[in-house]
Amino acid sequence: MALRPIVAICGTTGVGKSKLAIDLAAHLDRLSNKSGWRGAKIINADSMQVYKGLDVITNKVPEPERMGIPHLLMGFKQPGEQYVVGEWIQDALKLVSQRYVACDSLTVSLSLVDKRNA
């Protein structure tokens, strides 16, 4: 079985987690022909970036700066719609499970933010 790691990037606010995740995913994409990867994706774990239309106040990475890397669980809820951590866990596990069961050889990068310590 091919190695299919999940990379978690954790840190405090404003230290460059998103940029690192994008750079790492892009690097893995460039290696895809040699390593068998079929692409990396980023699963957002910022509690506010799940909401549409809050791009500036949540410091969402603008689309052009994402380098074509898919960002999952980002901007898919309406402001005011409740989305609790238990739902995020279920959604994130479902995404990871779907990729692994489908044998995508996919690296998933998690960008984690703890807003309580910001």
PDB file of N, CA and C in Angstrom:
ATOM      1  N   MET A   1       0.837  -1.172   0.000  1.00  0.00           N
ATOM      2  CA  MET A   1       0.000   0.000   0.000  1.00  0.00           C
ATOM      3  C   MET A   1       0.885   1.239   0.000  1.00  0.00           C
ATOM      4  N   ALA A   2       0.549   2.204  -0.820  1.00  0.00           N
ATOM      5  CA  ALA A   2       1.307   3.447  -0.919  1.00  0.00           C
ATOM      6  C   ALA A   2       1.108   4.297   0.324  1.00  0.00           C
ATOM      7  N   LEU A   3       2.148   5.007   0.701  1.00  0.00           N
ATOM      8  CA  LEU A   3       2.083   5.919   1.824  1.00  0.00           C
ATOM      9  C   LEU A   3       1.197   7.097   1.455  1.00  0.00           C
ATOM     10  N   ARG A   4       0.214   7.389   2.301  1.00  0.00           N
ATOM     11  CA  ARG A   4      -0.710   8.499   2.062  1.00  0.00           C
ATOM     12  C   ARG A   4      -0.852   9.309   3.339  1.00  0.00           C
ATOM     13  N   PRO A   5       0.108  10.161   3.614  1.00  0.00           N
ATOM     14  CA  PRO A   5       0.072  10.894   4.883  1.00  0.00           C
ATOM     15  C   PRO A   5      -0.958  12.010   4.900  1.00  0.00           C
ATOM     16  N   ILE A   6      -1.303  12.380   6.097  1.00  0.00           N
ATOM     17  CA  ILE A   6      -2.089  13.576   6.351  1.00  0.00           C
ATOM     18  C   ILE A   6      -1.163  14.517   7.108  1.00  0.00           C
ATOM     19  N   VAL A   7      -1.026  15.726   6.622  1.00  0.00           N
ATOM     20  CA  VAL A   7      -0.150  16.699   7.244  1.00  0.00           C
ATOM     21  C   VAL A   7      -1.012  17.725   7.962  1.00  0.00           C
ATOM     22  N   ALA A   8      -0.758  17.923   9.239  1.00  0.00           N
ATOM     23  CA  ALA A   8      -1.481  18.933  10.018  1.00  0.00           C
ATOM     24  C   ALA A   8      -0.531  20.088  10.311  1.00  0.00           C
ATOM     25  N   ILE A   9      -0.976  21.283  10.000  1.00  0.00           N
ATOM     26  CA  ILE A   9      -0.184  22.482  10.270  1.00  0.00           C
ATOM     27  C   ILE A   9      -0.909  23.266  11.355  1.00  0.00           C
ATOM     28  N   CYS A  10      -0.259  23.417  12.491  1.00  0.00           N
ATOM     29  CA  CYS A  10      -0.887  24.076  13.645  1.00  0.00           C
ATOM     30  C   CYS A  10      -0.047  25.271  14.065  1.00  0.00           C
ATOM     31  N   GLY A  11      -0.710  26.262  14.628  1.00  0.00           N
ATOM     32  CA  GLY A  11       0.014  27.407  15.141  1.00  0.00           C
ATOM     33  C   GLY A  11      -0.919  28.534  15.495  1.00  0.00           C
ATOM     34  N   THR A  12      -0.360  29.561  16.070  1.00  0.00           N
ATOM     35  CA  THR A  12      -1.153  30.711  16.482  1.00  0.00           C
ATOM     36  C   THR A  12      -1.491  31.585  15.282  1.00  0.00           C
ATOM     37  N   THR A  13      -2.339  32.550  15.506  1.00  0.00           N
ATOM     38  CA  THR A  13      -2.775  33.460  14.455  1.00  0.00           C
ATOM     39  C   THR A  13      -1.604  34.265  13.886  1.00  0.00           C
ATOM     40  N   GLY A  14      -1.572  34.365  12.561  1.00  0.00           N
ATOM     41  CA  GLY A  14      -0.621  35.242  11.892  1.00  0.00           C
ATOM     42  C   GLY A  14       0.791  34.729  11.742  1.00  0.00           C
ATOM     43  N   VAL A  15       1.003  33.420  11.835  1.00  0.00           N
ATOM     44  CA  VAL A  15       2.366  32.895  11.716  1.00  0.00           C
ATOM     45  C   VAL A  15       2.669  32.290  10.348  1.00  0.00           C
ATOM     46  N   GLY A  16       1.682  32.276   9.447  1.00  0.00           N
ATOM     47  CA  GLY A  16       1.935  31.791   8.090  1.00  0.00           C
ATOM     48  C   GLY A  16       1.498  30.365   7.807  1.00  0.00           C
ATOM     49  N   LYS A  17       0.540  29.851   8.572  1.00  0.00           N
ATOM     50  CA  LYS A  17       0.066  28.468   8.361  1.00  0.00           C
ATOM     51  C   LYS A  17      -0.530  28.278   6.968  1.00  0.00           C
ATOM     52  N   SER A  18      -1.343  29.226   6.542  1.00  0.00           N
ATOM     53  CA  SER A  18      -2.002  29.090   5.236  1.00  0.00           C
ATOM     54  C   SER A  18      -0.986  29.089   4.108  1.00  0.00           C
ATOM     55  N   LYS A  19      -0.025  29.999   4.145  1.00  0.00           N
ATOM     56  CA  LYS A  19       1.002  30.059   3.106  1.00  0.00           C
ATOM     57  C   LYS A  19       1.814  28.771   3.086  1.00  0.00           C
ATOM     58  N   LEU A  20       2.192  28.277   4.254  1.00  0.00           N
ATOM     59  CA  LEU A  20       2.942  27.021   4.328  1.00  0.00           C
ATOM     60  C   LEU A  20       2.124  25.869   3.742  1.00  0.00           C
ATOM     61  N   ALA A  21       0.836  25.807   4.074  1.00  0.00           N
ATOM     62  CA  ALA A  21      -0.019  24.732   3.552  1.00  0.00           C
ATOM     63  C   ALA A  21      -0.108  24.797   2.036  1.00  0.00           C
ATOM     64  N   ILE A  22      -0.263  25.998   1.491  1.00  0.00           N
ATOM     65  CA  ILE A  22      -0.347  26.163   0.036  1.00  0.00           C
ATOM     66  C   ILE A  22       0.979  25.796  -0.615  1.00  0.00           C
ATOM     67  N   ASP A  23       2.081  26.274  -0.056  1.00  0.00           N
ATOM     68  CA  ASP A  23       3.408  25.960  -0.616  1.00  0.00           C
ATOM     69  C   ASP A  23       3.681  24.465  -0.580  1.00  0.00           C
ATOM     70  N   LEU A  24       3.338  23.812   0.523  1.00  0.00           N
ATOM     71  CA  LEU A  24       3.550  22.373   0.647  1.00  0.00           C
ATOM     72  C   LEU A  24       2.683  21.607  -0.347  1.00  0.00           C
ATOM     73  N   ALA A  25       1.422  21.985  -0.465  1.00  0.00           N
ATOM     74  CA  ALA A  25       0.519  21.317  -1.408  1.00  0.00           C
ATOM     75  C   ALA A  25       1.003  21.500  -2.843  1.00  0.00           C
ATOM     76  N   ALA A  26       1.451  22.708  -3.184  1.00  0.00           N
ATOM     77  CA  ALA A  26       1.960  22.968  -4.536  1.00  0.00           C
ATOM     78  C   ALA A  26       3.213  22.141  -4.805  1.00  0.00           C
ATOM     79  N   HIS A  27       4.087  22.037  -3.808  1.00  0.00           N
ATOM     80  CA  HIS A  27       5.307  21.229  -3.959  1.00  0.00           C
ATOM     81  C   HIS A  27       4.948  19.763  -4.200  1.00  0.00           C
ATOM     82  N   LEU A  28       4.006  19.246  -3.445  1.00  0.00           N
ATOM     83  CA  LEU A  28       3.590  17.857  -3.633  1.00  0.00           C
ATOM     84  C   LEU A  28       2.955  17.654  -5.007  1.00  0.00           C
ATOM     85  N   ASP A  29       2.215  18.644  -5.478  1.00  0.00           N
ATOM     86  CA  ASP A  29       1.642  18.554  -6.821  1.00  0.00           C
ATOM     87  C   ASP A  29       2.736  18.478  -7.880  1.00  0.00           C
ATOM     88  N   ARG A  30       3.801  19.273  -7.699  1.00  0.00           N
ATOM     89  CA  ARG A  30       4.911  19.243  -8.665  1.00  0.00           C
ATOM     90  C   ARG A  30       5.604  17.890  -8.670  1.00  0.00           C
ATOM     91  N   LEU A  31       5.609  17.204  -7.538  1.00  0.00           N
ATOM     92  CA  LEU A  31       6.249  15.887  -7.437  1.00  0.00           C
ATOM     93  C   LEU A  31       5.324  14.756  -7.859  1.00  0.00           C
ATOM     94  N   SER A  32       4.108  15.070  -8.252  1.00  0.00           N
ATOM     95  CA  SER A  32       3.092  14.039  -8.472  1.00  0.00           C
ATOM     96  C   SER A  32       3.498  12.990  -9.492  1.00  0.00           C
ATOM     97  N   ASN A  33       4.219  13.355 -10.527  1.00  0.00           N
ATOM     98  CA  ASN A  33       4.614  12.372 -11.529  1.00  0.00           C
ATOM     99  C   ASN A  33       5.600  11.354 -10.974  1.00  0.00           C
ATOM    100  N   LYS A  34       6.472  11.786 -10.086  1.00  0.00           N
ATOM    101  CA  LYS A  34       7.490  10.906  -9.521  1.00  0.00           C
ATOM    102  C   LYS A  34       6.984  10.081  -8.347  1.00  0.00           C
ATOM    103  N   SER A  35       6.107  10.667  -7.530  1.00  0.00           N
ATOM    104  CA  SER A  35       5.721  10.015  -6.287  1.00  0.00           C
ATOM    105  C   SER A  35       4.383   9.289  -6.344  1.00  0.00           C
ATOM    106  N   GLY A  36       3.604   9.538  -7.375  1.00  0.00           N
ATOM    107  CA  GLY A  36       2.291   8.907  -7.461  1.00  0.00           C
ATOM    108  C   GLY A  36       1.178   9.711  -6.826  1.00  0.00           C
ATOM    109  N   TRP A  37       1.502  10.901  -6.264  1.00  0.00           N
ATOM    110  CA  TRP A  37       0.459  11.753  -5.710  1.00  0.00           C
ATOM    111  C   TRP A  37      -0.466  12.198  -6.824  1.00  0.00           C
ATOM    112  N   ARG A  38      -1.732  12.368  -6.499  1.00  0.00           N
ATOM    113  CA  ARG A  38      -2.670  12.889  -7.481  1.00  0.00           C
ATOM    114  C   ARG A  38      -3.195  14.256  -7.073  1.00  0.00           C
ATOM    115  N   GLY A  39      -2.489  14.890  -6.202  1.00  0.00           N
ATOM    116  CA  GLY A  39      -2.893  16.235  -5.807  1.00  0.00           C
ATOM    117  C   GLY A  39      -3.125  16.350  -4.320  1.00  0.00           C
ATOM    118  N   ALA A  40      -2.818  17.513  -3.821  1.00  0.00           N
ATOM    119  CA  ALA A  40      -3.030  17.801  -2.408  1.00  0.00           C
ATOM    120  C   ALA A  40      -4.210  18.748  -2.280  1.00  0.00           C
ATOM    121  N   LYS A  41      -4.873  18.674  -1.156  1.00  0.00           N
ATOM    122  CA  LYS A  41      -5.995  19.560  -0.862  1.00  0.00           C
ATOM    123  C   LYS A  41      -5.824  20.065   0.557  1.00  0.00           C
ATOM    124  N   ILE A  42      -6.407  21.212   0.817  1.00  0.00           N
ATOM    125  CA  ILE A  42      -6.333  21.810   2.144  1.00  0.00           C
ATOM    126  C   ILE A  42      -7.721  21.773   2.760  1.00  0.00           C
ATOM    127  N   ILE A  43      -7.802  21.229   3.964  1.00  0.00           N
ATOM    128  CA  ILE A  43      -9.058  21.246   4.712  1.00  0.00           C
ATOM    129  C   ILE A  43      -8.960  22.376   5.727  1.00  0.00           C
ATOM    130  N   ASN A  44      -9.801  23.375   5.548  1.00  0.00           N
ATOM    131  CA  ASN A  44      -9.824  24.510   6.451  1.00  0.00           C
ATOM    132  C   ASN A  44     -10.350  24.089   7.823  1.00  0.00           C
ATOM    133  N   ALA A  45      -9.704  24.584   8.867  1.00  0.00           N
ATOM    134  CA  ALA A  45     -10.169  24.316  10.225  1.00  0.00           C
ATOM    135  C   ALA A  45     -10.366  25.607  11.005  1.00  0.00           C
ATOM    136  N   ASP A  46     -10.418  26.739  10.302  1.00  0.00           N
ATOM    137  CA  ASP A  46     -10.663  28.019  10.963  1.00  0.00           C
ATOM    138  C   ASP A  46     -12.162  28.152  11.180  1.00  0.00           C
ATOM    139  N   SER A  47     -12.551  28.399  12.405  1.00  0.00           N
ATOM    140  CA  SER A  47     -13.971  28.409  12.755  1.00  0.00           C
ATOM    141  C   SER A  47     -14.763  29.516  12.067  1.00  0.00           C
ATOM    142  N   MET A  48     -14.123  30.570  11.618  1.00  0.00           N
ATOM    143  CA  MET A  48     -14.835  31.664  10.955  1.00  0.00           C
ATOM    144  C   MET A  48     -14.727  31.597   9.433  1.00  0.00           C
ATOM    145  N   GLN A  49     -13.688  30.958   8.911  1.00  0.00           N
ATOM    146  CA  GLN A  49     -13.510  30.897   7.467  1.00  0.00           C
ATOM    147  C   GLN A  49     -14.471  29.928   6.786  1.00  0.00           C
ATOM    148  N   VAL A  50     -15.255  29.214   7.564  1.00  0.00           N
ATOM    149  CA  VAL A  50     -16.278  28.340   6.967  1.00  0.00           C
ATOM    150  C   VAL A  50     -17.418  29.173   6.387  1.00  0.00           C
ATOM    151  N   TYR A  51     -17.504  30.458   6.780  1.00  0.00           N
ATOM    152  CA  TYR A  51     -18.617  31.310   6.361  1.00  0.00           C
ATOM    153  C   TYR A  51     -18.308  32.091   5.088  1.00  0.00           C
ATOM    154  N   LYS A  52     -19.312  32.180   4.215  1.00  0.00           N
ATOM    155  CA  LYS A  52     -19.213  32.963   2.979  1.00  0.00           C
ATOM    156  C   LYS A  52     -19.209  34.448   3.306  1.00  0.00           C
ATOM    157  N   GLY A  53     -18.482  35.205   2.488  1.00  0.00           N
ATOM    158  CA  GLY A  53     -18.563  36.651   2.553  1.00  0.00           C
ATOM    159  C   GLY A  53     -17.812  37.328   3.676  1.00  0.00           C
ATOM    160  N   LEU A  54     -17.081  36.585   4.474  1.00  0.00           N
ATOM    161  CA  LEU A  54     -16.330  37.181   5.579  1.00  0.00           C
ATOM    162  C   LEU A  54     -14.830  37.145   5.281  1.00  0.00           C
ATOM    163  N   ASP A  55     -14.494  37.268   4.005  1.00  0.00           N
ATOM    164  CA  ASP A  55     -13.114  37.075   3.565  1.00  0.00           C
ATOM    165  C   ASP A  55     -12.118  38.016   4.225  1.00  0.00           C
ATOM    166  N   VAL A  56     -12.446  39.292   4.302  1.00  0.00           N
ATOM    167  CA  VAL A  56     -11.500  40.268   4.837  1.00  0.00           C
ATOM    168  C   VAL A  56     -11.335  40.109   6.342  1.00  0.00           C
ATOM    169  N   ILE A  57     -12.447  40.027   7.076  1.00  0.00           N
ATOM    170  CA  ILE A  57     -12.323  39.970   8.540  1.00  0.00           C
ATOM    171  C   ILE A  57     -11.776  38.641   9.042  1.00  0.00           C
ATOM    172  N   THR A  58     -11.835  37.589   8.212  1.00  0.00           N
ATOM    173  CA  THR A  58     -11.268  36.298   8.626  1.00  0.00           C
ATOM    174  C   THR A  58      -9.904  36.046   7.993  1.00  0.00           C
ATOM    175  N   ASN A  59      -9.422  37.016   7.194  1.00  0.00           N
ATOM    176  CA  ASN A  59      -8.122  36.899   6.530  1.00  0.00           C
ATOM    177  C   ASN A  59      -8.023  35.651   5.647  1.00  0.00           C
ATOM    178  N   LYS A  60      -9.107  35.374   4.914  1.00  0.00           N
ATOM    179  CA  LYS A  60      -9.105  34.248   3.976  1.00  0.00           C
ATOM    180  C   LYS A  60      -8.099  34.500   2.866  1.00  0.00           C
ATOM    181  N   VAL A  61      -7.372  33.458   2.492  1.00  0.00           N
ATOM    182  CA  VAL A  61      -6.431  33.574   1.382  1.00  0.00           C
ATOM    183  C   VAL A  61      -7.243  33.809   0.110  1.00  0.00           C
ATOM    184  N   PRO A  62      -6.966  34.902  -0.623  1.00  0.00           N
ATOM    185  CA  PRO A  62      -7.705  35.160  -1.857  1.00  0.00           C
ATOM    186  C   PRO A  62      -7.494  34.037  -2.879  1.00  0.00           C
ATOM    187  N   GLU A  63      -8.505  33.797  -3.676  1.00  0.00           N
ATOM    188  CA  GLU A  63      -8.471  32.713  -4.664  1.00  0.00           C
ATOM    189  C   GLU A  63      -7.187  32.711  -5.510  1.00  0.00           C
ATOM    190  N   PRO A  64      -6.752  33.846  -6.066  1.00  0.00           N
ATOM    191  CA  PRO A  64      -5.536  33.830  -6.897  1.00  0.00           C
ATOM    192  C   PRO A  64      -4.281  33.392  -6.146  1.00  0.00           C
ATOM    193  N   GLU A  65      -4.257  33.597  -4.828  1.00  0.00           N
ATOM    194  CA  GLU A  65      -3.079  33.223  -4.036  1.00  0.00           C
ATOM    195  C   GLU A  65      -3.104  31.766  -3.590  1.00  0.00           C
ATOM    196  N   ARG A  66      -4.177  31.051  -3.890  1.00  0.00           N
ATOM    197  CA  ARG A  66      -4.286  29.638  -3.486  1.00  0.00           C
ATOM    198  C   ARG A  66      -3.563  28.706  -4.446  1.00  0.00           C
ATOM    199  N   MET A  67      -3.012  29.246  -5.510  1.00  0.00           N
ATOM    200  CA  MET A  67      -2.207  28.491  -6.477  1.00  0.00           C
ATOM    201  C   MET A  67      -2.937  27.270  -7.041  1.00  0.00           C
ATOM    202  N   GLY A  68      -4.249  27.363  -7.159  1.00  0.00           N
ATOM    203  CA  GLY A  68      -5.019  26.260  -7.721  1.00  0.00           C
ATOM    204  C   GLY A  68      -5.243  25.104  -6.769  1.00  0.00           C
ATOM    205  N   ILE A  69      -4.819  25.232  -5.531  1.00  0.00           N
ATOM    206  CA  ILE A  69      -4.985  24.172  -4.539  1.00  0.00           C
ATOM    207  C   ILE A  69      -6.408  24.253  -3.978  1.00  0.00           C
ATOM    208  N   PRO A  70      -7.176  23.171  -4.065  1.00  0.00           N
ATOM    209  CA  PRO A  70      -8.536  23.193  -3.505  1.00  0.00           C
ATOM    210  C   PRO A  70      -8.514  23.398  -1.982  1.00  0.00           C
ATOM    211  N   HIS A  71      -9.383  24.272  -1.514  1.00  0.00           N
ATOM    212  CA  HIS A  71      -9.557  24.536  -0.084  1.00  0.00           C
ATOM    213  C   HIS A  71     -10.949  24.038   0.300  1.00  0.00           C
ATOM    214  N   LEU A  72     -10.997  22.980   1.070  1.00  0.00           N
ATOM    215  CA  LEU A  72     -12.255  22.360   1.464  1.00  0.00           C
ATOM    216  C   LEU A  72     -12.729  22.925   2.797  1.00  0.00           C
ATOM    217  N   LEU A  73     -14.024  22.868   3.029  1.00  0.00           N
ATOM    218  CA  LEU A  73     -14.655  23.381   4.248  1.00  0.00           C
ATOM    219  C   LEU A  73     -14.332  24.863   4.458  1.00  0.00           C
ATOM    220  N   MET A  74     -14.313  25.609   3.386  1.00  0.00           N
ATOM    221  CA  MET A  74     -14.064  27.047   3.451  1.00  0.00           C
ATOM    222  C   MET A  74     -15.142  27.777   2.661  1.00  0.00           C
ATOM    223  N   GLY A  75     -15.789  28.747   3.312  1.00  0.00           N
ATOM    224  CA  GLY A  75     -16.768  29.581   2.631  1.00  0.00           C
ATOM    225  C   GLY A  75     -17.998  28.840   2.150  1.00  0.00           C
ATOM    226  N   PHE A  76     -18.443  27.845   2.897  1.00  0.00           N
ATOM    227  CA  PHE A  76     -19.590  27.055   2.442  1.00  0.00           C
ATOM    228  C   PHE A  76     -20.827  27.206   3.321  1.00  0.00           C
ATOM    229  N   LYS A  77     -20.721  27.978   4.391  1.00  0.00           N
ATOM    230  CA  LYS A  77     -21.861  28.235   5.282  1.00  0.00           C
ATOM    231  C   LYS A  77     -22.250  29.699   5.192  1.00  0.00           C
ATOM    232  N   GLN A  78     -23.528  29.982   5.403  1.00  0.00           N
ATOM    233  CA  GLN A  78     -24.010  31.363   5.420  1.00  0.00           C
ATOM    234  C   GLN A  78     -23.757  31.967   6.808  1.00  0.00           C
ATOM    235  N   PRO A  79     -23.370  33.251   6.859  1.00  0.00           N
ATOM    236  CA  PRO A  79     -23.226  33.895   8.168  1.00  0.00           C
ATOM    237  C   PRO A  79     -24.531  33.763   8.958  1.00  0.00           C
ATOM    238  N   GLY A  80     -24.414  33.466  10.215  1.00  0.00           N
ATOM    239  CA  GLY A  80     -25.588  33.268  11.060  1.00  0.00           C
ATOM    240  C   GLY A  80     -26.015  31.815  11.137  1.00  0.00           C
ATOM    241  N   GLU A  81     -25.556  30.996  10.197  1.00  0.00           N
ATOM    242  CA  GLU A  81     -25.870  29.564  10.224  1.00  0.00           C
ATOM    243  C   GLU A  81     -24.948  28.902  11.254  1.00  0.00           C
ATOM    244  N   GLN A  82     -25.521  28.117  12.133  1.00  0.00           N
ATOM    245  CA  GLN A  82     -24.718  27.470  13.170  1.00  0.00           C
ATOM    246  C   GLN A  82     -23.906  26.324  12.579  1.00  0.00           C
ATOM    247  N   TYR A  83     -22.649  26.260  12.965  1.00  0.00           N
ATOM    248  CA  TYR A  83     -21.750  25.179  12.542  1.00  0.00           C
ATOM    249  C   TYR A  83     -20.789  24.949  13.693  1.00  0.00           C
ATOM    250  N   VAL A  84     -20.990  23.865  14.416  1.00  0.00           N
ATOM    251  CA  VAL A  84     -20.212  23.598  15.627  1.00  0.00           C
ATOM    252  C   VAL A  84     -19.081  22.617  15.338  1.00  0.00           C
ATOM    253  N   VAL A  85     -18.150  22.553  16.252  1.00  0.00           N
ATOM    254  CA  VAL A  85     -16.934  21.762  16.052  1.00  0.00           C
ATOM    255  C   VAL A  85     -17.240  20.289  15.771  1.00  0.00           C
ATOM    256  N   GLY A  86     -18.278  19.752  16.397  1.00  0.00           N
ATOM    257  CA  GLY A  86     -18.643  18.352  16.134  1.00  0.00           C
ATOM    258  C   GLY A  86     -19.028  18.128  14.683  1.00  0.00           C
ATOM    259  N   GLU A  87     -19.709  19.108  14.094  1.00  0.00           N
ATOM    260  CA  GLU A  87     -20.070  19.009  12.674  1.00  0.00           C
ATOM    261  C   GLU A  87     -18.821  19.092  11.805  1.00  0.00           C
ATOM    262  N   TRP A  88     -17.890  20.002  12.179  1.00  0.00           N
ATOM    263  CA  TRP A  88     -16.644  20.109  11.418  1.00  0.00           C
ATOM    264  C   TRP A  88     -15.875  18.789  11.464  1.00  0.00           C
ATOM    265  N   ILE A  89     -15.792  18.184  12.633  1.00  0.00           N
ATOM    266  CA  ILE A  89     -15.073  16.906  12.762  1.00  0.00           C
ATOM    267  C   ILE A  89     -15.692  15.857  11.842  1.00  0.00           C
ATOM    268  N   GLN A  90     -17.021  15.754  11.858  1.00  0.00           N
ATOM    269  CA  GLN A  90     -17.694  14.787  10.983  1.00  0.00           C
ATOM    270  C   GLN A  90     -17.406  15.090   9.516  1.00  0.00           C
ATOM    271  N   ASP A  91     -17.494  16.370   9.131  1.00  0.00           N
ATOM    272  CA  ASP A  91     -17.250  16.749   7.739  1.00  0.00           C
ATOM    273  C   ASP A  91     -15.806  16.486   7.322  1.00  0.00           C
ATOM    274  N   ALA A  92     -14.858  16.829   8.193  1.00  0.00           N
ATOM    275  CA  ALA A  92     -13.442  16.617   7.878  1.00  0.00           C
ATOM    276  C   ALA A  92     -13.126  15.126   7.769  1.00  0.00           C
ATOM    277  N   LEU A  93     -13.620  14.331   8.704  1.00  0.00           N
ATOM    278  CA  LEU A  93     -13.384  12.886   8.647  1.00  0.00           C
ATOM    279  C   LEU A  93     -14.007  12.261   7.396  1.00  0.00           C
ATOM    280  N   LYS A  94     -15.173  12.744   7.022  1.00  0.00           N
ATOM    281  CA  LYS A  94     -15.834  12.254   5.811  1.00  0.00           C
ATOM    282  C   LYS A  94     -14.984  12.550   4.576  1.00  0.00           C
ATOM    283  N   LEU A  95     -14.448  13.772   4.482  1.00  0.00           N
ATOM    284  CA  LEU A  95     -13.599  14.134   3.343  1.00  0.00           C
ATOM    285  C   LEU A  95     -12.348  13.266   3.280  1.00  0.00           C
ATOM    286  N   VAL A  96     -11.696  13.092   4.416  1.00  0.00           N
ATOM    287  CA  VAL A  96     -10.483  12.266   4.458  1.00  0.00           C
ATOM    288  C   VAL A  96     -10.826  10.826   4.089  1.00  0.00           C
ATOM    289  N   SER A  97     -11.889  10.302   4.671  1.00  0.00           N
ATOM    290  CA  SER A  97     -12.302   8.920   4.402  1.00  0.00           C
ATOM    291  C   SER A  97     -12.621   8.710   2.925  1.00  0.00           C
ATOM    292  N   GLN A  98     -13.330   9.645   2.321  1.00  0.00           N
ATOM    293  CA  GLN A  98     -13.673   9.527   0.902  1.00  0.00           C
ATOM    294  C   GLN A  98     -12.421   9.443   0.043  1.00  0.00           C
ATOM    295  N   ARG A  99     -11.417  10.230   0.362  1.00  0.00           N
ATOM    296  CA  ARG A  99     -10.179  10.223  -0.428  1.00  0.00           C
ATOM    297  C   ARG A  99      -9.414   8.918  -0.236  1.00  0.00           C
ATOM    298  N   TYR A 100      -9.367   8.436   0.987  1.00  0.00           N
ATOM    299  CA  TYR A 100      -8.607   7.219   1.240  1.00  0.00           C
ATOM    300  C   TYR A 100      -9.313   5.980   0.689  1.00  0.00           C
ATOM    301  N   VAL A 101     -10.617   5.915   0.851  1.00  0.00           N
ATOM    302  CA  VAL A 101     -11.371   4.773   0.326  1.00  0.00           C
ATOM    303  C   VAL A 101     -11.274   4.749  -1.188  1.00  0.00           C
ATOM    304  N   ALA A 102     -11.255   5.930  -1.809  1.00  0.00           N
ATOM    305  CA  ALA A 102     -11.161   6.017  -3.260  1.00  0.00           C
ATOM    306  C   ALA A 102      -9.725   5.811  -3.743  1.00  0.00           C
ATOM    307  N   CYS A 103      -8.783   5.635  -2.798  1.00  0.00           N
ATOM    308  CA  CYS A 103      -7.373   5.409  -3.128  1.00  0.00           C
ATOM    309  C   CYS A 103      -6.802   6.525  -3.983  1.00  0.00           C
ATOM    310  N   ASP A 104      -7.093   7.746  -3.623  1.00  0.00           N
ATOM    311  CA  ASP A 104      -6.589   8.895  -4.373  1.00  0.00           C
ATOM    312  C   ASP A 104      -5.105   9.149  -4.147  1.00  0.00           C
ATOM    313  N   SER A 105      -4.494   8.485  -3.191  1.00  0.00           N
ATOM    314  CA  SER A 105      -3.126   8.810  -2.792  1.00  0.00           C
ATOM    315  C   SER A 105      -3.005  10.297  -2.552  1.00  0.00           C
ATOM    316  N   LEU A 106      -3.891  10.821  -1.762  1.00  0.00           N
ATOM    317  CA  LEU A 106      -4.046  12.254  -1.574  1.00  0.00           C
ATOM    318  C   LEU A 106      -3.476  12.698  -0.245  1.00  0.00           C
ATOM    319  N   THR A 107      -2.691  13.727  -0.272  1.00  0.00           N
ATOM    320  CA  THR A 107      -2.229  14.347   0.961  1.00  0.00           C
ATOM    321  C   THR A 107      -3.210  15.432   1.330  1.00  0.00           C
ATOM    322  N   VAL A 108      -3.640  15.455   2.553  1.00  0.00           N
ATOM    323  CA  VAL A 108      -4.561  16.473   3.030  1.00  0.00           C
ATOM    324  C   VAL A 108      -3.811  17.327   4.029  1.00  0.00           C
ATOM    325  N   SER A 109      -3.851  18.607   3.834  1.00  0.00           N
ATOM    326  CA  SER A 109      -3.184  19.530   4.734  1.00  0.00           C
ATOM    327  C   SER A 109      -4.238  20.276   5.534  1.00  0.00           C
ATOM    328  N   LEU A 110      -4.123  20.248   6.834  1.00  0.00           N
ATOM    329  CA  LEU A 110      -5.076  20.937   7.697  1.00  0.00           C
ATOM    330  C   LEU A 110      -4.452  22.229   8.201  1.00  0.00           C
ATOM    331  N   SER A 111      -5.132  23.314   8.015  1.00  0.00           N
ATOM    332  CA  SER A 111      -4.668  24.591   8.555  1.00  0.00           C
ATOM    333  C   SER A 111      -5.502  24.891   9.791  1.00  0.00           C
ATOM    334  N   LEU A 112      -4.901  24.781  10.953  1.00  0.00           N
ATOM    335  CA  LEU A 112      -5.627  24.890  12.212  1.00  0.00           C
ATOM    336  C   LEU A 112      -5.379  26.219  12.899  1.00  0.00           C
ATOM    337  N   VAL A 113      -6.440  26.785  13.436  1.00  0.00           N
ATOM    338  CA  VAL A 113      -6.332  28.042  14.162  1.00  0.00           C
ATOM    339  C   VAL A 113      -7.148  27.915  15.432  1.00  0.00           C
ATOM    340  N   ASP A 114      -6.582  28.337  16.550  1.00  0.00           N
ATOM    341  CA  ASP A 114      -7.329  28.391  17.800  1.00  0.00           C
ATOM    342  C   ASP A 114      -7.641  29.845  18.072  1.00  0.00           C
ATOM    343  N   LYS A 115      -8.867  30.269  17.752  1.00  0.00           N
ATOM    344  CA  LYS A 115      -9.261  31.671  17.887  1.00  0.00           C
ATOM    345  C   LYS A 115      -9.315  32.103  19.349  1.00  0.00           C
ATOM    346  N   ARG A 116      -9.417  31.176  20.294  1.00  0.00           N
ATOM    347  CA  ARG A 116      -9.498  31.557  21.705  1.00  0.00           C
ATOM    348  C   ARG A 116      -8.221  32.210  22.184  1.00  0.00           C
ATOM    349  N   ASN A 117      -7.079  31.859  21.574  1.00  0.00           N
ATOM    350  CA  ASN A 117      -5.798  32.394  22.008  1.00  0.00           C
ATOM    351  C   ASN A 117      -5.326  33.547  21.145  1.00  0.00           C
ATOM    352  N   ALA A 118      -6.177  34.024  20.246  1.00  0.00           N
ATOM    353  CA  ALA A 118      -5.762  35.101  19.335  1.00  0.00           C
ATOM    354  C   ALA A 118      -5.768  36.443  20.027  1.00  0.00           C
TER     355      ALA A 118
END
